[in-house]
Amino acid sequence: MNLRGLRPAFDAAAVTRFCLRSHDVARSVDFLRKVFAKPSIGALANGAQAFLFGHTVLEIRPIAGMQNPGLERIGVGIHGVTLKQARRILEQRGIQPHGSKDEVLFRDPDGNELQLIAL
């Protein structure tokens, strides 16, 4: 896929979310509370926990299967398009989005997962 010469597809406004994988979510949550003195904003599906740092959510998720700890996903807030439009734009550029109708996920050439969040 050669994207050279194409105008950027989206107006990226902010990194709005980071999702990290952890062997022990409770241990990671305790560590983050000690370092940042921030309470978690709550439990999420599948045993995940979330923290709010300004306008950015840091989500800690349990490791599934043979995954390694580390970065799972980065969420990028975009202006001027709906998620449906974003999905279509990615497809037009040869990038295969996935996820539910309420989220647009895709992978970069190294396999890192990104999430588009309409602002």
N, C-alpha and C. Protein backbone atom coordinates (compact mmCIF):
# COMPACT_ATOMS: atom_id res chain seq x y z
N MET A 1 0.84 -1.16 0.00
CA MET A 1 0.00 0.00 0.00
C MET A 1 0.89 1.23 0.00
N ASN A 2 0.79 2.04 -1.01
CA ASN A 2 1.58 3.25 -1.14
C ASN A 2 0.68 4.45 -0.89
N LEU A 3 0.88 5.12 0.23
CA LEU A 3 0.07 6.28 0.59
C LEU A 3 0.76 7.60 0.25
N ARG A 4 1.92 7.51 -0.37
CA ARG A 4 2.67 8.70 -0.74
C ARG A 4 1.86 9.53 -1.73
N GLY A 5 1.84 10.81 -1.53
CA GLY A 5 1.14 11.70 -2.42
C GLY A 5 -0.32 11.92 -2.06
N LEU A 6 -0.86 11.13 -1.13
CA LEU A 6 -2.23 11.32 -0.68
C LEU A 6 -2.27 12.36 0.44
N ARG A 7 -3.29 13.17 0.40
CA ARG A 7 -3.50 14.10 1.52
C ARG A 7 -3.88 13.28 2.75
N PRO A 8 -3.58 13.79 3.94
CA PRO A 8 -3.99 13.06 5.14
C PRO A 8 -5.49 12.81 5.14
N ALA A 9 -5.89 11.66 5.62
CA ALA A 9 -7.30 11.27 5.62
C ALA A 9 -8.09 11.97 6.71
N PHE A 10 -7.46 12.26 7.84
CA PHE A 10 -8.19 12.77 9.00
C PHE A 10 -7.45 13.92 9.67
N ASP A 11 -8.21 14.78 10.35
CA ASP A 11 -7.66 15.84 11.18
C ASP A 11 -7.56 15.28 12.60
N ALA A 12 -6.38 14.79 12.96
CA ALA A 12 -6.18 14.20 14.28
C ALA A 12 -6.09 15.32 15.31
N ALA A 13 -7.01 15.29 16.28
CA ALA A 13 -7.08 16.36 17.26
C ALA A 13 -6.31 16.04 18.54
N ALA A 14 -6.31 14.78 18.93
CA ALA A 14 -5.67 14.42 20.20
C ALA A 14 -5.57 12.91 20.32
N VAL A 15 -4.58 12.48 21.09
CA VAL A 15 -4.55 11.08 21.50
C VAL A 15 -5.49 11.00 22.69
N THR A 16 -6.56 10.25 22.56
CA THR A 16 -7.61 10.24 23.58
C THR A 16 -7.61 8.98 24.44
N ARG A 17 -6.86 7.96 24.01
CA ARG A 17 -6.91 6.70 24.74
C ARG A 17 -5.65 5.88 24.49
N PHE A 18 -5.15 5.28 25.56
CA PHE A 18 -4.09 4.28 25.49
C PHE A 18 -4.60 3.04 26.20
N CYS A 19 -4.44 1.90 25.61
CA CYS A 19 -4.81 0.63 26.25
C CYS A 19 -3.54 -0.19 26.41
N LEU A 20 -3.28 -0.60 27.64
CA LEU A 20 -2.12 -1.43 27.95
C LEU A 20 -2.58 -2.80 28.41
N ARG A 21 -1.80 -3.82 28.06
CA ARG A 21 -2.05 -5.19 28.53
C ARG A 21 -1.20 -5.45 29.77
N SER A 22 -1.78 -6.15 30.75
CA SER A 22 -1.07 -6.44 31.98
C SER A 22 -1.32 -7.89 32.41
N HIS A 23 -0.28 -8.52 32.98
CA HIS A 23 -0.45 -9.86 33.55
C HIS A 23 -1.34 -9.80 34.79
N ASP A 24 -1.29 -8.66 35.51
CA ASP A 24 -2.01 -8.52 36.77
C ASP A 24 -2.60 -7.11 36.83
N VAL A 25 -3.86 -6.98 36.42
CA VAL A 25 -4.51 -5.66 36.35
C VAL A 25 -4.53 -4.99 37.72
N ALA A 26 -4.87 -5.75 38.77
CA ALA A 26 -4.93 -5.16 40.12
C ALA A 26 -3.58 -4.59 40.53
N ARG A 27 -2.51 -5.31 40.24
CA ARG A 27 -1.16 -4.83 40.57
C ARG A 27 -0.85 -3.55 39.79
N SER A 28 -1.20 -3.52 38.51
CA SER A 28 -0.96 -2.33 37.68
C SER A 28 -1.76 -1.14 38.18
N VAL A 29 -3.02 -1.38 38.55
CA VAL A 29 -3.87 -0.30 39.07
C VAL A 29 -3.29 0.25 40.36
N ASP A 30 -2.87 -0.64 41.27
CA ASP A 30 -2.26 -0.21 42.52
C ASP A 30 -1.00 0.62 42.26
N PHE A 31 -0.18 0.17 41.33
CA PHE A 31 1.04 0.90 40.98
C PHE A 31 0.71 2.31 40.47
N LEU A 32 -0.25 2.40 39.54
CA LEU A 32 -0.60 3.71 38.98
C LEU A 32 -1.18 4.64 40.03
N ARG A 33 -1.94 4.11 40.97
CA ARG A 33 -2.48 4.94 42.06
C ARG A 33 -1.35 5.49 42.93
N LYS A 34 -0.32 4.68 43.16
CA LYS A 34 0.82 5.14 43.97
C LYS A 34 1.62 6.19 43.24
N VAL A 35 1.78 6.03 41.94
CA VAL A 35 2.62 6.96 41.17
C VAL A 35 1.88 8.27 40.87
N PHE A 36 0.62 8.18 40.50
CA PHE A 36 -0.09 9.37 40.03
C PHE A 36 -1.16 9.88 40.98
N ALA A 37 -1.43 9.18 42.08
CA ALA A 37 -2.44 9.60 43.04
C ALA A 37 -3.78 9.87 42.37
N LYS A 38 -4.11 9.04 41.40
CA LYS A 38 -5.37 9.17 40.68
C LYS A 38 -6.20 7.92 40.94
N PRO A 39 -7.45 8.09 41.31
CA PRO A 39 -8.30 6.90 41.42
C PRO A 39 -8.67 6.41 40.02
N SER A 40 -8.92 5.12 39.92
CA SER A 40 -9.41 4.62 38.64
C SER A 40 -10.81 5.16 38.44
N ILE A 41 -11.22 5.30 37.18
CA ILE A 41 -12.56 5.80 36.91
C ILE A 41 -13.55 4.66 36.80
N GLY A 42 -13.07 3.45 36.98
CA GLY A 42 -14.01 2.35 37.04
C GLY A 42 -13.59 1.11 36.29
N ALA A 43 -14.32 0.06 36.64
CA ALA A 43 -14.11 -1.23 35.99
C ALA A 43 -14.78 -1.22 34.63
N LEU A 44 -14.14 -1.84 33.66
CA LEU A 44 -14.68 -1.98 32.32
C LEU A 44 -14.93 -3.46 32.05
N ALA A 45 -15.40 -3.76 30.87
CA ALA A 45 -15.67 -5.15 30.50
C ALA A 45 -14.39 -5.98 30.57
N ASN A 46 -14.55 -7.25 30.82
CA ASN A 46 -13.46 -8.23 30.80
C ASN A 46 -12.35 -7.94 31.80
N GLY A 47 -12.68 -7.32 32.93
CA GLY A 47 -11.69 -7.11 33.98
C GLY A 47 -10.75 -5.94 33.78
N ALA A 48 -11.01 -5.10 32.81
CA ALA A 48 -10.17 -3.93 32.57
C ALA A 48 -10.51 -2.82 33.57
N GLN A 49 -9.56 -1.93 33.79
CA GLN A 49 -9.73 -0.75 34.63
C GLN A 49 -9.28 0.46 33.83
N ALA A 50 -9.86 1.62 34.15
CA ALA A 50 -9.51 2.83 33.40
C ALA A 50 -9.19 3.98 34.34
N PHE A 51 -8.28 4.84 33.90
CA PHE A 51 -7.90 6.07 34.58
C PHE A 51 -8.12 7.23 33.62
N LEU A 52 -8.45 8.39 34.14
CA LEU A 52 -8.59 9.58 33.30
C LEU A 52 -7.48 10.54 33.66
N PHE A 53 -6.66 10.88 32.67
CA PHE A 53 -5.58 11.85 32.82
C PHE A 53 -5.90 13.02 31.89
N GLY A 54 -6.47 14.08 32.44
CA GLY A 54 -6.92 15.18 31.58
C GLY A 54 -8.05 14.69 30.69
N HIS A 55 -7.83 14.72 29.39
CA HIS A 55 -8.83 14.24 28.43
C HIS A 55 -8.46 12.89 27.84
N THR A 56 -7.47 12.23 28.43
CA THR A 56 -6.98 10.96 27.90
C THR A 56 -7.29 9.83 28.88
N VAL A 57 -7.83 8.75 28.35
CA VAL A 57 -8.12 7.56 29.16
C VAL A 57 -6.95 6.59 29.03
N LEU A 58 -6.47 6.10 30.15
CA LEU A 58 -5.49 5.02 30.17
C LEU A 58 -6.23 3.78 30.66
N GLU A 59 -6.32 2.80 29.80
CA GLU A 59 -7.04 1.57 30.12
C GLU A 59 -6.04 0.44 30.34
N ILE A 60 -6.21 -0.30 31.42
CA ILE A 60 -5.37 -1.45 31.71
C ILE A 60 -6.23 -2.69 31.50
N ARG A 61 -5.80 -3.56 30.58
CA ARG A 61 -6.56 -4.76 30.23
C ARG A 61 -5.78 -6.01 30.60
N PRO A 62 -6.48 -7.07 31.02
CA PRO A 62 -5.77 -8.33 31.28
C PRO A 62 -5.29 -8.94 29.97
N ILE A 63 -4.18 -9.62 30.07
CA ILE A 63 -3.62 -10.31 28.91
C ILE A 63 -4.49 -11.50 28.56
N ALA A 64 -4.73 -11.65 27.28
CA ALA A 64 -5.52 -12.78 26.78
C ALA A 64 -4.61 -13.72 26.01
N GLY A 65 -4.69 -15.00 26.31
CA GLY A 65 -3.93 -15.99 25.56
C GLY A 65 -2.43 -15.80 25.68
N MET A 66 -1.76 -15.79 24.54
CA MET A 66 -0.30 -15.73 24.48
C MET A 66 0.24 -14.32 24.30
N GLN A 67 -0.58 -13.31 24.55
CA GLN A 67 -0.11 -11.93 24.38
C GLN A 67 0.97 -11.60 25.40
N ASN A 68 1.72 -10.56 25.09
CA ASN A 68 2.72 -10.03 26.01
C ASN A 68 2.20 -8.74 26.62
N PRO A 69 2.72 -8.36 27.79
CA PRO A 69 2.34 -7.07 28.35
C PRO A 69 2.82 -5.96 27.42
N GLY A 70 2.13 -4.85 27.46
CA GLY A 70 2.55 -3.71 26.65
C GLY A 70 1.37 -3.02 26.01
N LEU A 71 1.67 -2.25 24.99
CA LEU A 71 0.66 -1.45 24.33
C LEU A 71 -0.31 -2.32 23.55
N GLU A 72 -1.59 -2.11 23.77
CA GLU A 72 -2.62 -2.82 23.01
C GLU A 72 -3.21 -1.93 21.93
N ARG A 73 -3.50 -0.67 22.28
CA ARG A 73 -4.21 0.19 21.33
C ARG A 73 -3.99 1.65 21.68
N ILE A 74 -3.96 2.50 20.66
CA ILE A 74 -3.95 3.95 20.84
C ILE A 74 -5.22 4.49 20.18
N GLY A 75 -5.96 5.31 20.90
CA GLY A 75 -7.15 5.95 20.36
C GLY A 75 -6.83 7.37 19.95
N VAL A 76 -7.23 7.74 18.74
CA VAL A 76 -6.96 9.07 18.21
C VAL A 76 -8.29 9.75 17.91
N GLY A 77 -8.52 10.90 18.52
CA GLY A 77 -9.72 11.68 18.26
C GLY A 77 -9.59 12.42 16.95
N ILE A 78 -10.64 12.38 16.14
CA ILE A 78 -10.62 13.04 14.83
C ILE A 78 -11.83 13.98 14.71
N HIS A 79 -11.63 15.05 13.93
CA HIS A 79 -12.67 16.04 13.69
C HIS A 79 -13.26 15.88 12.30
N GLY A 80 -14.51 16.27 12.14
CA GLY A 80 -15.09 16.48 10.83
C GLY A 80 -15.65 15.27 10.11
N VAL A 81 -15.61 14.10 10.71
CA VAL A 81 -16.18 12.91 10.07
C VAL A 81 -16.85 12.03 11.11
N THR A 82 -17.84 11.28 10.68
CA THR A 82 -18.46 10.28 11.54
C THR A 82 -17.62 9.00 11.48
N LEU A 83 -17.90 8.08 12.37
CA LEU A 83 -17.19 6.81 12.32
C LEU A 83 -17.52 6.04 11.05
N LYS A 84 -18.73 6.13 10.58
CA LYS A 84 -19.12 5.48 9.33
C LYS A 84 -18.30 6.05 8.17
N GLN A 85 -18.14 7.37 8.13
CA GLN A 85 -17.34 8.00 7.07
C GLN A 85 -15.87 7.61 7.22
N ALA A 86 -15.39 7.55 8.45
CA ALA A 86 -13.98 7.18 8.68
C ALA A 86 -13.72 5.77 8.17
N ARG A 87 -14.64 4.87 8.44
CA ARG A 87 -14.49 3.48 7.98
C ARG A 87 -14.39 3.45 6.45
N ARG A 88 -15.25 4.21 5.79
CA ARG A 88 -15.26 4.24 4.32
C ARG A 88 -13.96 4.84 3.78
N ILE A 89 -13.47 5.90 4.41
CA ILE A 89 -12.23 6.54 3.97
C ILE A 89 -11.06 5.55 4.08
N LEU A 90 -10.98 4.83 5.19
CA LEU A 90 -9.91 3.84 5.34
C LEU A 90 -10.00 2.78 4.24
N GLU A 91 -11.20 2.28 4.00
CA GLU A 91 -11.38 1.26 2.97
C GLU A 91 -10.97 1.80 1.60
N GLN A 92 -11.28 3.05 1.29
CA GLN A 92 -10.90 3.65 0.01
C GLN A 92 -9.38 3.75 -0.13
N ARG A 93 -8.68 3.79 0.98
CA ARG A 93 -7.23 3.88 0.97
C ARG A 93 -6.56 2.51 1.11
N GLY A 94 -7.37 1.46 1.03
CA GLY A 94 -6.81 0.11 1.09
C GLY A 94 -6.47 -0.36 2.48
N ILE A 95 -7.03 0.29 3.49
CA ILE A 95 -6.79 -0.07 4.89
C ILE A 95 -8.06 -0.74 5.40
N GLN A 96 -7.95 -1.97 5.91
CA GLN A 96 -9.11 -2.72 6.33
C GLN A 96 -9.46 -2.43 7.78
N PRO A 97 -10.53 -1.67 8.03
CA PRO A 97 -10.95 -1.43 9.42
C PRO A 97 -11.67 -2.65 9.98
N HIS A 98 -11.70 -2.74 11.30
CA HIS A 98 -12.46 -3.80 11.97
C HIS A 98 -13.07 -3.21 13.24
N GLY A 99 -13.77 -4.02 13.99
CA GLY A 99 -14.43 -3.55 15.20
C GLY A 99 -15.93 -3.50 15.01
N SER A 100 -16.62 -3.12 16.06
CA SER A 100 -18.08 -3.04 16.01
C SER A 100 -18.52 -1.80 15.26
N LYS A 101 -19.83 -1.62 15.10
CA LYS A 101 -20.34 -0.44 14.39
C LYS A 101 -20.05 0.83 15.18
N ASP A 102 -19.77 0.70 16.49
CA ASP A 102 -19.50 1.86 17.34
C ASP A 102 -18.02 2.18 17.50
N GLU A 103 -17.17 1.46 16.77
CA GLU A 103 -15.73 1.73 16.85
C GLU A 103 -15.09 1.44 15.51
N VAL A 104 -14.03 2.18 15.23
CA VAL A 104 -13.26 1.95 14.01
C VAL A 104 -11.83 1.65 14.46
N LEU A 105 -11.43 0.42 14.24
CA LEU A 105 -10.09 -0.04 14.59
C LEU A 105 -9.37 -0.42 13.31
N PHE A 106 -8.05 -0.23 13.30
CA PHE A 106 -7.23 -0.68 12.17
C PHE A 106 -5.81 -0.85 12.66
N ARG A 107 -5.00 -1.52 11.86
CA ARG A 107 -3.60 -1.78 12.24
C ARG A 107 -2.65 -1.05 11.30
N ASP A 108 -1.56 -0.58 11.88
CA ASP A 108 -0.52 0.03 11.05
C ASP A 108 0.33 -1.07 10.44
N PRO A 109 1.31 -0.74 9.59
CA PRO A 109 2.11 -1.79 8.93
C PRO A 109 2.88 -2.70 9.89
N ASP A 110 3.12 -2.23 11.14
CA ASP A 110 3.82 -3.06 12.12
C ASP A 110 2.86 -3.87 12.98
N GLY A 111 1.56 -3.75 12.73
CA GLY A 111 0.57 -4.51 13.49
C GLY A 111 0.03 -3.80 14.71
N ASN A 112 0.45 -2.56 14.98
CA ASN A 112 -0.08 -1.81 16.11
C ASN A 112 -1.53 -1.41 15.82
N GLU A 113 -2.38 -1.55 16.83
CA GLU A 113 -3.79 -1.23 16.63
C GLU A 113 -4.08 0.21 17.01
N LEU A 114 -4.82 0.88 16.12
CA LEU A 114 -5.28 2.25 16.37
C LEU A 114 -6.79 2.27 16.35
N GLN A 115 -7.36 3.19 17.10
CA GLN A 115 -8.80 3.36 17.16
C GLN A 115 -9.12 4.80 16.83
N LEU A 116 -10.06 5.02 15.91
CA LEU A 116 -10.51 6.37 15.61
C LEU A 116 -11.72 6.70 16.48
N ILE A 117 -11.70 7.88 17.06
CA ILE A 117 -12.78 8.33 17.94
C ILE A 117 -13.26 9.67 17.41
N ALA A 118 -14.52 9.72 16.97
CA ALA A 118 -15.07 10.94 16.42
C ALA A 118 -15.32 11.95 17.54
N LEU A 119 -14.79 13.16 17.37
CA LEU A 119 -14.98 14.21 18.39
C LEU A 119 -16.04 15.18 17.96
